């Protein structure tokens, strides 16, 4: 998954106490483990199974994902803007590959 395309839609600024929406999308093939390869072998399952967001180091949102999740998972959630800092995102797949991204938030 290294080098995956990640899209983050979150405001650059917010007012203290404001509820902000964060939307993320990551490009991932999300193999189900049910497809056969060209030689008739089962292609191993490889899905994103965990997503986490940290706001200035504190975990503010997590999701455990299961085989029914679509390819290129889109995740949206809200956070209360309390201080300026970094939103750090982490996606983990079945192979143990971790993809990360970050977004700066300025709170006034």
Protein backbone atom coordinates (compact mmCIF):
# COMPACT_ATOMS: atom_id res chain seq x y z
CA UNK A 1 0.00 0.00 0.00
CA UNK A 2 3.04 2.26 0.27
CA UNK A 3 2.65 5.39 -1.79
CA UNK A 4 -1.14 5.05 -1.86
CA UNK A 5 -3.12 8.04 -2.98
CA UNK A 6 -4.76 9.70 0.00
CA UNK A 7 -7.29 12.54 -0.15
CA UNK A 8 -8.13 14.56 2.95
CA UNK A 9 -10.90 17.13 3.03
CA UNK A 10 -10.75 19.13 6.26
CA UNK A 11 -10.76 22.84 7.01
CA UNK A 12 -7.43 24.65 7.39
CA UNK A 13 -8.89 26.92 10.07
CA UNK A 14 -11.63 26.72 12.69
CA UNK A 15 -12.96 28.65 15.67
CA UNK A 16 -12.34 27.13 19.09
CA UNK A 17 -15.26 24.88 20.01
CA UNK A 18 -16.43 24.50 16.40
CA UNK A 19 -17.40 21.03 15.21
CA UNK A 20 -15.53 20.32 11.99
CA UNK A 21 -16.11 17.56 9.47
CA UNK A 22 -13.18 15.53 8.24
CA UNK A 23 -13.44 13.35 5.14
CA UNK A 24 -10.76 10.93 3.98
CA UNK A 25 -10.39 8.65 0.99
CA UNK A 26 -7.56 6.22 0.33
CA UNK A 27 -6.85 4.31 -2.86
CA UNK A 28 -6.60 0.59 -2.04
CA UNK A 29 -7.58 -2.50 -4.06
CA UNK A 30 -9.29 -4.23 -1.11
CA UNK A 31 -8.83 -7.86 -2.17
CA UNK A 32 -11.60 -10.00 -0.64
CA UNK A 33 -9.71 -13.29 -0.56
CA UNK A 34 -12.38 -14.89 -2.77
CA UNK A 35 -10.95 -14.13 -6.22
CA UNK A 36 -8.75 -16.52 -8.19
CA UNK A 37 -5.51 -15.50 -9.88
CA UNK A 38 -4.45 -16.37 -13.44
CA UNK A 39 -3.05 -19.73 -12.30
CA UNK A 40 -6.18 -20.66 -10.31
CA UNK A 41 -4.69 -19.74 -6.93
CA UNK A 42 -6.70 -17.77 -4.38
CA UNK A 43 -5.58 -14.15 -4.18
CA UNK A 44 -5.03 -13.52 -0.45
CA UNK A 45 -7.35 -11.14 1.33
CA UNK A 46 -5.86 -7.67 1.72
CA UNK A 47 -8.23 -5.03 3.04
CA UNK A 48 -7.71 -1.95 5.13
CA UNK A 49 -8.76 -3.26 8.53
CA UNK A 50 -8.10 -0.26 10.76
CA UNK A 51 -8.26 3.50 10.46
CA UNK A 52 -7.23 5.97 13.16
CA UNK A 53 -7.03 9.74 13.51
CA UNK A 54 -5.00 11.56 16.14
CA UNK A 55 -5.43 15.23 16.94
CA UNK A 56 -2.17 16.60 18.36
CA UNK A 57 -1.24 13.08 19.48
CA UNK A 58 -4.56 12.16 21.12
CA UNK A 59 -6.65 9.51 19.35
CA UNK A 60 -9.99 11.10 18.44
CA UNK A 61 -11.45 8.58 15.99
CA UNK A 62 -10.89 4.92 15.11
CA UNK A 63 -12.69 2.43 12.93
CA UNK A 64 -12.21 -1.31 12.51
CA UNK A 65 -13.09 -2.26 8.95
CA UNK A 66 -14.32 -5.64 7.69
CA UNK A 67 -14.50 -7.44 4.30
CA UNK A 68 -17.74 -5.73 3.26
CA UNK A 69 -15.94 -2.36 3.02
CA UNK A 70 -15.58 -1.02 -0.52
CA UNK A 71 -12.37 -0.48 -2.44
CA UNK A 72 -10.96 3.00 -1.85
CA UNK A 73 -12.63 3.46 1.56
CA UNK A 74 -14.23 6.85 2.24
CA UNK A 75 -14.45 7.73 5.94
CA UNK A 76 -16.13 10.85 7.32
CA UNK A 77 -16.37 11.95 10.95
CA UNK A 78 -16.48 15.09 13.09
CA UNK A 79 -14.10 16.52 15.67
CA UNK A 80 -14.37 19.52 17.99
CA UNK A 81 -11.63 22.04 17.21
CA UNK A 82 -9.96 22.83 20.54
CA UNK A 83 -6.47 24.05 19.63
CA UNK A 84 -4.15 24.49 16.68
CA UNK A 85 -2.35 21.29 15.80
CA UNK A 86 -1.96 18.35 13.47
CA UNK A 87 -4.53 15.79 12.45
CA UNK A 88 -2.59 12.57 11.81
CA UNK A 89 -4.27 9.75 9.89
CA UNK A 90 -3.26 6.09 9.74
CA UNK A 91 -4.62 3.22 7.63
CA UNK A 92 -3.47 -0.39 8.27
CA UNK A 93 -4.10 -3.31 5.91
CA UNK A 94 -4.04 -7.11 6.33
CA UNK A 95 -0.40 -7.28 5.25
CA UNK A 96 0.57 -4.93 8.07
CA UNK A 97 1.31 -2.07 5.71
CA UNK A 98 0.63 1.31 7.26
CA UNK A 99 -0.11 4.41 5.23
CA UNK A 100 -0.08 7.81 6.94
CA UNK A 101 -1.05 11.37 6.13
CA UNK A 102 -1.30 14.61 8.09
CA UNK A 103 -3.27 17.86 7.95
CA UNK A 104 -2.61 21.10 9.86
CA UNK A 105 -5.48 22.85 11.63
CA UNK A 106 -5.25 26.42 12.91
CA UNK A 107 -7.76 27.25 15.67
CA UNK A 108 -8.56 30.84 16.60
